[in-house]
Amino acid sequence: MPETETDSDLYAMTWEEAAEAVATSDLAVLPTGSIEQHSTHLPTSTDTLRADYLSAELVEAAPDHGLELLRLPTLPFGYSEHHMRFPGTITLSRETYVDAVVEIGESMAAHGVDRLLFLNTHGGNKEPLAMAADRLGRETALTVHFVHWTDFAREDLEEAFGEGWGHAGDHETSFVELYRPDLVRESKKEPQKARELPETRSYEYFDEVTELGGLGDPTNSDTDVMERVVGDTTAKILEAVAEDIEAGW
């Protein structure tokens, strides 16, 4: 299990080392998380922790799939407007978030990066990241790959935890206990009571859905299951990226 620091981290490189890494890497990876409430037992950094550690897993496993990755610093702030009624949440506007990601991509393109992978761990970022990917693909020479980690893990997570394992629930609690158990408030873990979502509309704020801020049952957390899911999902993502590159996408 890797630390969050890897030998392929841009933030630790000099400009000469960065130039060499750009020349030898197949993709640059931008991990994208959020700072937002995760109920009363997990830290606001949960999604950013996931982006940090899961991108480190990708970097470590990439050579086994014929790939070399250059990892950019994790973007900690996301689009989290729906959590703003819970203290501690920080959100960027949708427009600011899209612009920030586009400008990060433009910077990397200016230095010669050909392919950029978004590794996302926050559902609220999906739509603005898709918009940023479209802009970068049309306005620069970058080829953008977009991976929402949970989409690749969904089948394994449903098999392990059933339904309702989402925000701050079984899955995310298992993850933080696996990588940063010191940040889990064990005495605060309890089943999260949530309303059944409507069929014909969404909600404006998450406190309309759940009083504590989470979904699922954190007391069902299982670090052994999570470690297996992380390994399987890391392989799935790298296989998919390698296949897309091989196919000329």
Protein backbone atom coordinates (compact mmCIF):
# COMPACT_ATOMS: atom_id res chain seq x y z
CA MET A 1 0.00 0.00 0.00
CA PRO A 2 1.74 3.23 -1.12
CA GLU A 3 2.11 6.45 0.81
CA THR A 4 0.61 9.52 -0.85
CA GLU A 5 4.09 10.54 -2.02
CA THR A 6 5.51 8.83 -5.10
CA ASP A 7 8.64 9.23 -7.22
CA SER A 8 6.40 10.51 -10.02
CA ASP A 9 5.01 13.55 -8.19
CA LEU A 10 5.39 16.83 -10.07
CA TYR A 11 5.41 18.88 -6.87
CA ALA A 12 8.67 17.25 -5.75
CA MET A 13 10.49 17.78 -9.06
CA THR A 14 12.77 20.54 -10.27
CA TRP A 15 11.95 22.06 -13.63
CA GLU A 16 14.63 19.93 -15.28
CA GLU A 17 13.21 16.78 -13.75
CA ALA A 18 9.69 17.85 -14.76
CA ALA A 19 10.81 18.26 -18.37
CA GLU A 20 12.26 14.75 -18.36
CA ALA A 21 9.12 13.32 -16.74
CA VAL A 22 6.89 14.94 -19.35
CA ALA A 23 9.04 13.47 -22.11
CA THR A 24 8.97 9.92 -20.71
CA SER A 25 5.44 9.67 -19.25
CA ASP A 26 2.45 8.31 -21.13
CA LEU A 27 -0.05 10.43 -19.19
CA ALA A 28 -0.16 13.15 -16.58
CA VAL A 29 -2.72 12.42 -13.85
CA LEU A 30 -4.77 15.12 -12.13
CA PRO A 31 -6.43 13.73 -8.95
CA THR A 32 -9.61 15.64 -8.10
CA GLY A 33 -11.28 15.57 -4.69
CA SER A 34 -13.29 17.90 -2.46
CA ILE A 35 -13.41 19.46 0.98
CA GLU A 36 -16.91 18.78 2.25
CA GLN A 37 -18.77 17.24 5.15
CA HIS A 38 -18.72 13.48 5.48
CA SER A 39 -21.12 13.00 8.38
CA THR A 40 -19.94 13.08 12.00
CA HIS A 41 -17.35 10.28 11.83
CA LEU A 42 -15.22 11.12 8.74
CA PRO A 43 -13.11 14.20 7.97
CA THR A 44 -14.00 16.86 5.42
CA SER A 45 -10.91 15.73 3.48
CA THR A 46 -12.33 12.25 2.73
CA ASP A 47 -12.64 12.71 -1.05
CA THR A 48 -9.26 14.41 -1.29
CA LEU A 49 -7.67 11.59 0.71
CA ARG A 50 -9.21 9.15 -1.72
CA ALA A 51 -7.87 11.10 -4.69
CA ASP A 52 -4.39 11.20 -3.11
CA TYR A 53 -4.11 7.53 -2.22
CA LEU A 54 -5.93 6.09 -5.22
CA SER A 55 -3.82 8.09 -7.66
CA ALA A 56 -0.72 6.84 -5.83
CA GLU A 57 -2.02 3.30 -6.33
CA LEU A 58 -2.34 4.00 -10.06
CA VAL A 59 1.20 5.36 -10.30
CA GLU A 60 2.63 2.36 -8.45
CA ALA A 61 0.75 -0.21 -10.56
CA ALA A 62 1.09 1.55 -13.94
CA PRO A 63 4.35 -0.14 -15.06
CA ASP A 64 2.63 -3.54 -14.78
CA HIS A 65 0.28 -2.31 -17.52
CA GLY A 66 2.98 -0.82 -19.72
CA LEU A 67 2.32 2.75 -18.59
CA GLU A 68 4.30 5.51 -16.91
CA LEU A 69 2.38 8.26 -15.12
CA LEU A 70 3.30 11.78 -14.01
CA ARG A 71 1.16 12.75 -11.02
CA LEU A 72 0.06 16.35 -10.54
CA PRO A 73 -0.82 17.71 -7.10
CA THR A 74 -4.34 16.79 -6.03
CA LEU A 75 -6.92 19.52 -6.59
CA PRO A 76 -8.51 19.54 -3.11
CA PHE A 77 -11.47 21.84 -3.74
CA GLY A 78 -14.42 20.75 -5.83
CA TYR A 79 -17.98 21.62 -6.73
CA SER A 80 -19.80 20.92 -3.45
CA GLU A 81 -22.62 23.46 -3.34
CA HIS A 82 -25.13 20.80 -2.22
CA HIS A 83 -23.17 20.29 1.04
CA MET A 84 -22.83 23.96 1.96
CA ARG A 85 -25.38 23.82 4.79
CA PHE A 86 -22.90 21.66 6.71
CA PRO A 87 -20.01 23.61 8.34
CA GLY A 88 -16.53 22.90 6.99
CA THR A 89 -17.58 22.46 3.38
CA ILE A 90 -15.70 24.58 0.82
CA THR A 91 -17.02 24.86 -2.71
CA LEU A 92 -15.96 26.47 -5.93
CA SER A 93 -18.63 27.65 -8.33
CA ARG A 94 -19.20 25.39 -11.32
CA GLU A 95 -17.74 28.02 -13.64
CA THR A 96 -14.65 28.62 -11.48
CA TYR A 97 -14.03 24.89 -11.18
CA VAL A 98 -14.25 24.33 -14.94
CA ASP A 99 -11.96 27.28 -15.62
CA ALA A 100 -9.41 26.11 -13.03
CA VAL A 101 -9.22 22.61 -14.48
CA VAL A 102 -8.98 23.96 -18.02
CA GLU A 103 -6.13 26.28 -17.04
CA ILE A 104 -4.29 23.42 -15.31
CA GLY A 105 -4.64 21.42 -18.51
CA GLU A 106 -3.49 24.34 -20.65
CA SER A 107 -0.39 24.68 -18.47
CA MET A 108 0.48 21.02 -18.94
CA ALA A 109 -0.16 21.20 -22.68
CA ALA A 110 2.20 24.19 -22.90
CA HIS A 111 4.94 22.03 -21.37
CA GLY A 112 4.42 19.23 -23.87
CA VAL A 113 2.01 16.87 -22.11
CA ASP A 114 0.01 14.93 -24.71
CA ARG A 115 -2.45 13.05 -22.51
CA LEU A 116 -4.11 14.10 -19.26
CA LEU A 117 -6.10 11.77 -17.01
CA PHE A 118 -8.64 13.12 -14.55
CA LEU A 119 -8.92 10.71 -11.60
CA ASN A 120 -12.04 11.89 -9.77
CA THR A 121 -13.37 10.80 -6.38
CA HIS A 122 -16.25 13.26 -5.82
CA GLY A 123 -19.60 12.86 -7.56
CA GLY A 124 -20.27 16.59 -7.66
CA ASN A 125 -17.20 17.09 -9.86
CA LYS A 126 -18.37 14.77 -12.63
CA GLU A 127 -20.36 17.26 -14.69
CA PRO A 128 -17.89 20.16 -14.52
CA LEU A 129 -14.97 17.81 -15.21
CA ALA A 130 -16.77 16.52 -18.31
CA MET A 131 -17.19 20.13 -19.45
CA ALA A 132 -13.50 20.84 -18.80
CA ALA A 133 -12.49 17.71 -20.71
CA ASP A 134 -14.58 18.82 -23.70
CA ARG A 135 -13.00 22.28 -23.71
CA LEU A 136 -9.46 20.96 -23.42
CA GLY A 137 -10.04 18.43 -26.16
CA ARG A 138 -11.37 21.09 -28.53
CA GLU A 139 -9.13 24.02 -27.60
CA THR A 140 -5.73 22.36 -26.99
CA ALA A 141 -3.67 19.47 -28.34
CA LEU A 142 -4.38 17.45 -25.18
CA THR A 143 -6.12 14.10 -25.24
CA VAL A 144 -8.15 13.91 -22.04
CA HIS A 145 -9.12 10.67 -20.26
CA PHE A 146 -11.76 10.93 -17.53
CA VAL A 147 -12.13 8.28 -14.80
CA HIS A 148 -14.63 8.54 -11.96
CA TRP A 149 -13.11 5.94 -9.64
CA THR A 150 -16.37 4.75 -8.10
CA ASP A 151 -17.84 3.91 -11.51
CA PHE A 152 -15.06 1.34 -12.01
CA ALA A 153 -15.54 -0.03 -8.48
CA ARG A 154 -19.35 -0.03 -8.42
CA GLU A 155 -19.93 -3.72 -9.15
CA ASP A 156 -17.45 -4.85 -6.49
CA LEU A 157 -18.81 -2.36 -3.95
CA GLU A 158 -22.40 -3.48 -4.52
CA GLU A 159 -21.34 -7.10 -4.12
CA ALA A 160 -19.53 -6.30 -0.88
CA PHE A 161 -21.90 -3.79 0.73
CA GLY A 162 -25.24 -4.13 -1.04
CA GLU A 163 -27.06 -0.87 -1.70
CA GLY A 164 -26.79 2.45 0.10
CA TRP A 165 -23.02 2.39 0.68
CA GLY A 166 -22.50 5.90 -0.69
CA HIS A 167 -21.52 9.21 0.87
CA ALA A 168 -19.73 8.65 4.22
CA GLY A 169 -21.18 5.15 4.38
CA ASP A 170 -19.82 1.61 4.27
CA HIS A 171 -17.43 2.19 1.36
CA GLU A 172 -15.86 5.55 2.28
CA THR A 173 -15.57 4.61 5.94
CA SER A 174 -13.75 1.43 4.93
CA PHE A 175 -11.40 3.47 2.78
CA VAL A 176 -10.45 6.00 5.46
CA GLU A 177 -10.02 3.19 8.02
CA LEU A 178 -7.68 1.42 5.59
CA TYR A 179 -5.44 4.40 4.79
CA ARG A 180 -5.95 6.91 7.62
CA PRO A 181 -7.61 5.18 10.59
CA ASP A 182 -6.43 8.01 12.83
CA LEU A 183 -8.99 10.30 11.18
CA VAL A 184 -12.06 8.12 11.84
CA ARG A 185 -14.18 9.04 14.87
CA GLU A 186 -15.07 5.49 15.84
CA SER A 187 -17.47 6.55 18.60
CA LYS A 188 -19.48 8.53 16.05
CA LYS A 189 -20.01 5.66 13.60
CA GLU A 190 -23.71 4.85 13.32
CA PRO A 191 -26.24 3.92 10.63
CA GLN A 192 -27.14 6.99 8.57
CA LYS A 193 -30.84 7.70 8.31
CA ALA A 194 -31.77 9.02 4.89
CA ARG A 195 -35.01 9.84 3.11
CA GLU A 196 -35.99 7.93 0.01
CA LEU A 197 -35.11 10.10 -2.97
CA PRO A 198 -37.94 11.38 -5.20
CA GLU A 199 -38.43 9.94 -8.67
CA THR A 200 -39.14 13.17 -10.57
CA ARG A 201 -36.77 15.77 -9.09
CA SER A 202 -33.46 16.22 -7.33
CA TYR A 203 -32.64 18.05 -4.10
CA GLU A 204 -30.94 21.39 -3.54
CA TYR A 205 -29.03 20.59 -0.35
CA PHE A 206 -27.92 17.32 1.20
CA ASP A 207 -29.46 18.04 4.59
CA GLU A 208 -32.83 17.55 2.89
CA VAL A 209 -31.81 13.90 2.46
CA THR A 210 -29.93 13.06 5.66
CA GLU A 211 -29.63 14.84 9.00
CA LEU A 212 -26.19 13.49 9.93
CA GLY A 213 -24.79 14.01 6.44
CA GLY A 214 -24.19 10.43 5.30
CA LEU A 215 -25.74 7.42 3.60
CA GLY A 216 -25.52 3.71 4.36
CA ASP A 217 -24.16 2.10 7.51
CA PRO A 218 -20.54 2.94 8.48
CA THR A 219 -20.61 0.16 11.10
CA ASN A 220 -20.45 -2.31 8.18
CA SER A 221 -17.00 -1.05 7.18
CA ASP A 222 -14.45 -3.69 6.18
CA THR A 223 -10.85 -2.77 5.44
CA ASP A 224 -9.99 -6.20 4.01
CA VAL A 225 -12.77 -5.87 1.45
CA MET A 226 -11.70 -2.31 0.66
CA GLU A 227 -8.09 -3.31 0.08
CA ARG A 228 -9.22 -5.96 -2.41
CA VAL A 229 -11.58 -3.55 -4.18
CA VAL A 230 -8.83 -0.94 -4.48
CA GLY A 231 -6.48 -3.48 -6.06
CA ASP A 232 -9.10 -4.77 -8.50
CA THR A 233 -10.29 -1.28 -9.43
CA THR A 234 -6.77 0.03 -9.96
CA ALA A 235 -6.15 -2.79 -12.42
CA LYS A 236 -9.47 -2.17 -14.20
CA ILE A 237 -8.71 1.51 -14.68
CA LEU A 238 -5.20 0.95 -15.98
CA GLU A 239 -6.39 -1.77 -18.33
CA ALA A 240 -9.09 0.53 -19.70
CA VAL A 241 -6.66 3.42 -20.18
CA ALA A 242 -4.08 1.20 -21.88
CA GLU A 243 -6.72 -0.27 -24.19
CA ASP A 244 -8.00 3.18 -25.16
CA ILE A 245 -4.49 4.37 -25.96
CA GLU A 246 -3.78 1.21 -27.95
CA ALA A 247 -6.99 1.76 -29.92
CA GLY A 248 -5.93 5.28 -30.80
CA TRP A 249 -8.35 7.19 -28.60
